[in-house]
Amino acid sequence: MDQMIFHPPFGIHAMRFLNSMLCYSILIPNLAAITTLLRAKREYQTCIGIRHRGV
């Protein structure tokens, strides 16, 4: 198993795969948090806009 990891083509693919998995595991929760933050910000701005209109 260890010898397969150091075989160049497989090793490169494995490293790219692990790298992309790491990126996705970091990125996806952050994307969810960012979208919820943006949605909350938009709702907050519309709430302020309604308040400014005097409704």
PDB file of N, CA and C in Angstrom:
ATOM      1  N   MET A   1       0.835  -1.208   0.000  1.00  0.00           N
ATOM      2  CA  MET A   1       0.000   0.000   0.000  1.00  0.00           C
ATOM      3  C   MET A   1       0.869   1.257   0.000  1.00  0.00           C
ATOM      4  N   ASP A   2       1.911   1.264   0.838  1.00  0.00           N
ATOM      5  CA  ASP A   2       2.799   2.426   0.903  1.00  0.00           C
ATOM      6  C   ASP A   2       3.543   2.633  -0.413  1.00  0.00           C
ATOM      7  N   GLN A   3       3.922   1.510  -1.083  1.00  0.00           N
ATOM      8  CA  GLN A   3       4.646   1.621  -2.349  1.00  0.00           C
ATOM      9  C   GLN A   3       3.737   2.216  -3.429  1.00  0.00           C
ATOM     10  N   MET A   4       2.440   1.890  -3.404  1.00  0.00           N
ATOM     11  CA  MET A   4       1.507   2.437  -4.390  1.00  0.00           C
ATOM     12  C   MET A   4       1.391   3.949  -4.254  1.00  0.00           C
ATOM     13  N   ILE A   5       1.423   4.450  -3.039  1.00  0.00           N
ATOM     14  CA  ILE A   5       1.276   5.894  -2.816  1.00  0.00           C
ATOM     15  C   ILE A   5       2.440   6.660  -3.456  1.00  0.00           C
ATOM     16  N   PHE A   6       3.620   6.071  -3.417  1.00  0.00           N
ATOM     17  CA  PHE A   6       4.782   6.770  -3.969  1.00  0.00           C
ATOM     18  C   PHE A   6       4.951   6.543  -5.464  1.00  0.00           C
ATOM     19  N   HIS A   7       4.090   5.752  -6.073  1.00  0.00           N
ATOM     20  CA  HIS A   7       4.132   5.585  -7.535  1.00  0.00           C
ATOM     21  C   HIS A   7       3.655   6.899  -8.151  1.00  0.00           C
ATOM     22  N   PRO A   8       4.473   7.588  -8.971  1.00  0.00           N
ATOM     23  CA  PRO A   8       4.211   8.972  -9.381  1.00  0.00           C
ATOM     24  C   PRO A   8       2.794   9.302  -9.858  1.00  0.00           C
ATOM     25  N   PRO A   9       2.233   8.620 -10.887  1.00  0.00           N
ATOM     26  CA  PRO A   9       0.911   9.037 -11.375  1.00  0.00           C
ATOM     27  C   PRO A   9      -0.156   8.924 -10.288  1.00  0.00           C
ATOM     28  N   PHE A  10      -0.156   7.795  -9.602  1.00  0.00           N
ATOM     29  CA  PHE A  10      -1.158   7.599  -8.561  1.00  0.00           C
ATOM     30  C   PHE A  10      -0.956   8.600  -7.426  1.00  0.00           C
ATOM     31  N   GLY A  11       0.313   8.846  -7.081  1.00  0.00           N
ATOM     32  CA  GLY A  11       0.599   9.776  -5.987  1.00  0.00           C
ATOM     33  C   GLY A  11       0.093  11.176  -6.309  1.00  0.00           C
ATOM     34  N   ILE A  12       0.309  11.616  -7.560  1.00  0.00           N
ATOM     35  CA  ILE A  12      -0.156  12.948  -7.974  1.00  0.00           C
ATOM     36  C   ILE A  12      -1.675  13.023  -7.924  1.00  0.00           C
ATOM     37  N   HIS A  13      -2.335  11.984  -8.440  1.00  0.00           N
ATOM     38  CA  HIS A  13      -3.796  11.975  -8.425  1.00  0.00           C
ATOM     39  C   HIS A  13      -4.322  11.940  -6.994  1.00  0.00           C
ATOM     40  N   ALA A  14      -3.669  11.145  -6.150  1.00  0.00           N
ATOM     41  CA  ALA A  14      -4.100  11.048  -4.756  1.00  0.00           C
ATOM     42  C   ALA A  14      -3.932  12.395  -4.050  1.00  0.00           C
ATOM     43  N   MET A  15      -2.815  13.065  -4.315  1.00  0.00           N
ATOM     44  CA  MET A  15      -2.585  14.366  -3.686  1.00  0.00           C
ATOM     45  C   MET A  15      -3.601  15.388  -4.179  1.00  0.00           C
ATOM     46  N   ARG A  16      -3.898  15.381  -5.481  1.00  0.00           N
ATOM     47  CA  ARG A  16      -4.897  16.311  -6.013  1.00  0.00           C
ATOM     48  C   ARG A  16      -6.260  16.019  -5.418  1.00  0.00           C
ATOM     49  N   PHE A  17      -6.572  14.726  -5.303  1.00  0.00           N
ATOM     50  CA  PHE A  17      -7.864  14.326  -4.751  1.00  0.00           C
ATOM     51  C   PHE A  17      -7.980  14.775  -3.299  1.00  0.00           C
ATOM     52  N   LEU A  18      -6.926  14.502  -2.513  1.00  0.00           N
ATOM     53  CA  LEU A  18      -6.942  14.894  -1.100  1.00  0.00           C
ATOM     54  C   LEU A  18      -7.014  16.413  -0.968  1.00  0.00           C
ATOM     55  N   ASN A  19      -6.286  17.117  -1.842  1.00  0.00           N
ATOM     56  CA  ASN A  19      -6.282  18.572  -1.811  1.00  0.00           C
ATOM     57  C   ASN A  19      -7.673  19.122  -2.113  1.00  0.00           C
ATOM     58  N   SER A  20      -8.321  18.557  -3.157  1.00  0.00           N
ATOM     59  CA  SER A  20      -9.658  19.028  -3.516  1.00  0.00           C
ATOM     60  C   SER A  20     -10.659  18.675  -2.415  1.00  0.00           C
ATOM     61  N   MET A  21     -10.502  17.506  -1.792  1.00  0.00           N
ATOM     62  CA  MET A  21     -11.394  17.122  -0.698  1.00  0.00           C
ATOM     63  C   MET A  21     -11.221  18.091   0.467  1.00  0.00           C
ATOM     64  N   LEU A  22      -9.976  18.450   0.755  1.00  0.00           N
ATOM     65  CA  LEU A  22      -9.709  19.397   1.835  1.00  0.00           C
ATOM     66  C   LEU A  22     -10.328  20.751   1.511  1.00  0.00           C
ATOM     67  N   CYS A  23     -10.156  21.209   0.268  1.00  0.00           N
ATOM     68  CA  CYS A  23     -10.734  22.483  -0.156  1.00  0.00           C
ATOM     69  C   CYS A  23     -12.249  22.452  -0.026  1.00  0.00           C
ATOM     70  N   TYR A  24     -12.870  21.348  -0.477  1.00  0.00           N
ATOM     71  CA  TYR A  24     -14.325  21.248  -0.404  1.00  0.00           C
ATOM     72  C   TYR A  24     -14.798  21.213   1.048  1.00  0.00           C
ATOM     73  N   SER A  25     -14.074  20.475   1.901  1.00  0.00           N
ATOM     74  CA  SER A  25     -14.499  20.360   3.295  1.00  0.00           C
ATOM     75  C   SER A  25     -14.396  21.713   4.001  1.00  0.00           C
ATOM     76  N   ILE A  26     -13.444  22.545   3.571  1.00  0.00           N
ATOM     77  CA  ILE A  26     -13.315  23.882   4.158  1.00  0.00           C
ATOM     78  C   ILE A  26     -14.304  24.850   3.504  1.00  0.00           C
ATOM     79  N   LEU A  27     -14.446  24.721   2.172  1.00  0.00           N
ATOM     80  CA  LEU A  27     -15.222  25.695   1.408  1.00  0.00           C
ATOM     81  C   LEU A  27     -16.722  25.554   1.602  1.00  0.00           C
ATOM     82  N   ILE A  28     -17.236  24.320   1.548  1.00  0.00           N
ATOM     83  CA  ILE A  28     -18.686  24.118   1.569  1.00  0.00           C
ATOM     84  C   ILE A  28     -19.343  24.648   2.849  1.00  0.00           C
ATOM     85  N   PRO A  29     -18.827  24.340   4.054  1.00  0.00           N
ATOM     86  CA  PRO A  29     -19.450  24.934   5.248  1.00  0.00           C
ATOM     87  C   PRO A  29     -19.355  26.459   5.237  1.00  0.00           C
ATOM     88  N   ASN A  30     -18.228  26.989   4.751  1.00  0.00           N
ATOM     89  CA  ASN A  30     -18.085  28.441   4.670  1.00  0.00           C
ATOM     90  C   ASN A  30     -19.070  29.041   3.688  1.00  0.00           C
ATOM     91  N   LEU A  31     -19.308  28.352   2.558  1.00  0.00           N
ATOM     92  CA  LEU A  31     -20.288  28.825   1.584  1.00  0.00           C
ATOM     93  C   LEU A  31     -21.664  28.876   2.219  1.00  0.00           C
ATOM     94  N   ALA A  32     -21.998  27.851   2.986  1.00  0.00           N
ATOM     95  CA  ALA A  32     -23.294  27.836   3.662  1.00  0.00           C
ATOM     96  C   ALA A  32     -23.384  29.007   4.643  1.00  0.00           C
ATOM     97  N   ALA A  33     -22.324  29.233   5.394  1.00  0.00           N
ATOM     98  CA  ALA A  33     -22.315  30.339   6.355  1.00  0.00           C
ATOM     99  C   ALA A  33     -22.404  31.681   5.630  1.00  0.00           C
ATOM    100  N   ILE A  34     -21.672  31.823   4.531  1.00  0.00           N
ATOM    101  CA  ILE A  34     -21.680  33.082   3.775  1.00  0.00           C
ATOM    102  C   ILE A  34     -23.061  33.350   3.188  1.00  0.00           C
ATOM    103  N   THR A  35     -23.697  32.315   2.627  1.00  0.00           N
ATOM    104  CA  THR A  35     -25.027  32.516   2.048  1.00  0.00           C
ATOM    105  C   THR A  35     -26.034  32.885   3.121  1.00  0.00           C
ATOM    106  N   THR A  36     -25.938  32.251   4.296  1.00  0.00           N
ATOM    107  CA  THR A  36     -26.868  32.605   5.372  1.00  0.00           C
ATOM    108  C   THR A  36     -26.600  34.028   5.854  1.00  0.00           C
ATOM    109  N   LEU A  37     -25.335  34.413   5.922  1.00  0.00           N
ATOM    110  CA  LEU A  37     -25.007  35.784   6.327  1.00  0.00           C
ATOM    111  C   LEU A  37     -25.553  36.792   5.322  1.00  0.00           C
ATOM    112  N   LEU A  38     -25.368  36.502   4.024  1.00  0.00           N
ATOM    113  CA  LEU A  38     -25.871  37.410   2.996  1.00  0.00           C
ATOM    114  C   LEU A  38     -27.394  37.501   3.049  1.00  0.00           C
ATOM    115  N   ARG A  39     -28.044  36.368   3.276  1.00  0.00           N
ATOM    116  CA  ARG A  39     -29.499  36.365   3.348  1.00  0.00           C
ATOM    117  C   ARG A  39     -29.959  37.172   4.561  1.00  0.00           C
ATOM    118  N   ALA A  40     -29.290  36.972   5.686  1.00  0.00           N
ATOM    119  CA  ALA A  40     -29.641  37.718   6.898  1.00  0.00           C
ATOM    120  C   ALA A  40     -29.401  39.210   6.687  1.00  0.00           C
ATOM    121  N   LYS A  41     -28.306  39.552   6.016  1.00  0.00           N
ATOM    122  CA  LYS A  41     -27.994  40.956   5.750  1.00  0.00           C
ATOM    123  C   LYS A  41     -29.068  41.579   4.855  1.00  0.00           C
ATOM    124  N   ARG A  42     -29.496  40.830   3.842  1.00  0.00           N
ATOM    125  CA  ARG A  42     -30.513  41.341   2.929  1.00  0.00           C
ATOM    126  C   ARG A  42     -31.835  41.553   3.674  1.00  0.00           C
ATOM    127  N   GLU A  43     -32.207  40.582   4.501  1.00  0.00           N
ATOM    128  CA  GLU A  43     -33.444  40.720   5.276  1.00  0.00           C
ATOM    129  C   GLU A  43     -33.336  41.899   6.245  1.00  0.00           C
ATOM    130  N   TYR A  44     -32.155  42.068   6.839  1.00  0.00           N
ATOM    131  CA  TYR A  44     -31.941  43.181   7.767  1.00  0.00           C
ATOM    132  C   TYR A  44     -32.060  44.514   7.031  1.00  0.00           C
ATOM    133  N   GLN A  45     -31.471  44.595   5.827  1.00  0.00           N
ATOM    134  CA  GLN A  45     -31.550  45.835   5.042  1.00  0.00           C
ATOM    135  C   GLN A  45     -32.984  46.134   4.626  1.00  0.00           C
ATOM    136  N   THR A  46     -33.744  45.106   4.236  1.00  0.00           N
ATOM    137  CA  THR A  46     -35.139  45.353   3.864  1.00  0.00           C
ATOM    138  C   THR A  46     -35.925  45.780   5.083  1.00  0.00           C
ATOM    139  N   CYS A  47     -35.604  45.214   6.243  1.00  0.00           N
ATOM    140  CA  CYS A  47     -36.279  45.603   7.482  1.00  0.00           C
ATOM    141  C   CYS A  47     -35.991  47.071   7.786  1.00  0.00           C
ATOM    142  N   ILE A  48     -34.728  47.474   7.637  1.00  0.00           N
ATOM    143  CA  ILE A  48     -34.361  48.878   7.863  1.00  0.00           C
ATOM    144  C   ILE A  48     -35.054  49.770   6.833  1.00  0.00           C
ATOM    145  N   GLY A  49     -35.110  49.313   5.572  1.00  0.00           N
ATOM    146  CA  GLY A  49     -35.765  50.081   4.515  1.00  0.00           C
ATOM    147  C   GLY A  49     -37.236  50.292   4.838  1.00  0.00           C
ATOM    148  N   ILE A  50     -37.895  49.246   5.329  1.00  0.00           N
ATOM    149  CA  ILE A  50     -39.313  49.374   5.701  1.00  0.00           C
ATOM    150  C   ILE A  50     -39.444  50.357   6.861  1.00  0.00           C
ATOM    151  N   ARG A  51     -38.505  50.265   7.794  1.00  0.00           N
ATOM    152  CA  ARG A  51     -38.558  51.149   8.956  1.00  0.00           C
ATOM    153  C   ARG A  51     -38.354  52.609   8.534  1.00  0.00           C
ATOM    154  N   HIS A  52     -37.431  52.826   7.576  1.00  0.00           N
ATOM    155  CA  HIS A  52     -37.170  54.185   7.104  1.00  0.00           C
ATOM    156  C   HIS A  52     -38.366  54.760   6.336  1.00  0.00           C
ATOM    157  N   ARG A  53     -39.110  53.892   5.666  1.00  0.00           N
ATOM    158  CA  ARG A  53     -40.269  54.361   4.909  1.00  0.00           C
ATOM    159  C   ARG A  53     -41.416  54.747   5.845  1.00  0.00           C
ATOM    160  N   GLY A  54     -41.301  54.334   7.090  1.00  0.00           N
ATOM    161  CA  GLY A  54     -42.351  54.686   8.043  1.00  0.00           C
ATOM    162  C   GLY A  54     -43.532  53.737   8.002  1.00  0.00           C
ATOM    163  N   VAL A  55     -43.323  52.512   7.462  1.00  0.00           N
ATOM    164  CA  VAL A  55     -44.412  51.535   7.408  1.00  0.00           C
ATOM    165  C   VAL A  55     -44.477  50.806   8.745  1.00  0.00           C
TER     166      VAL A  55
END
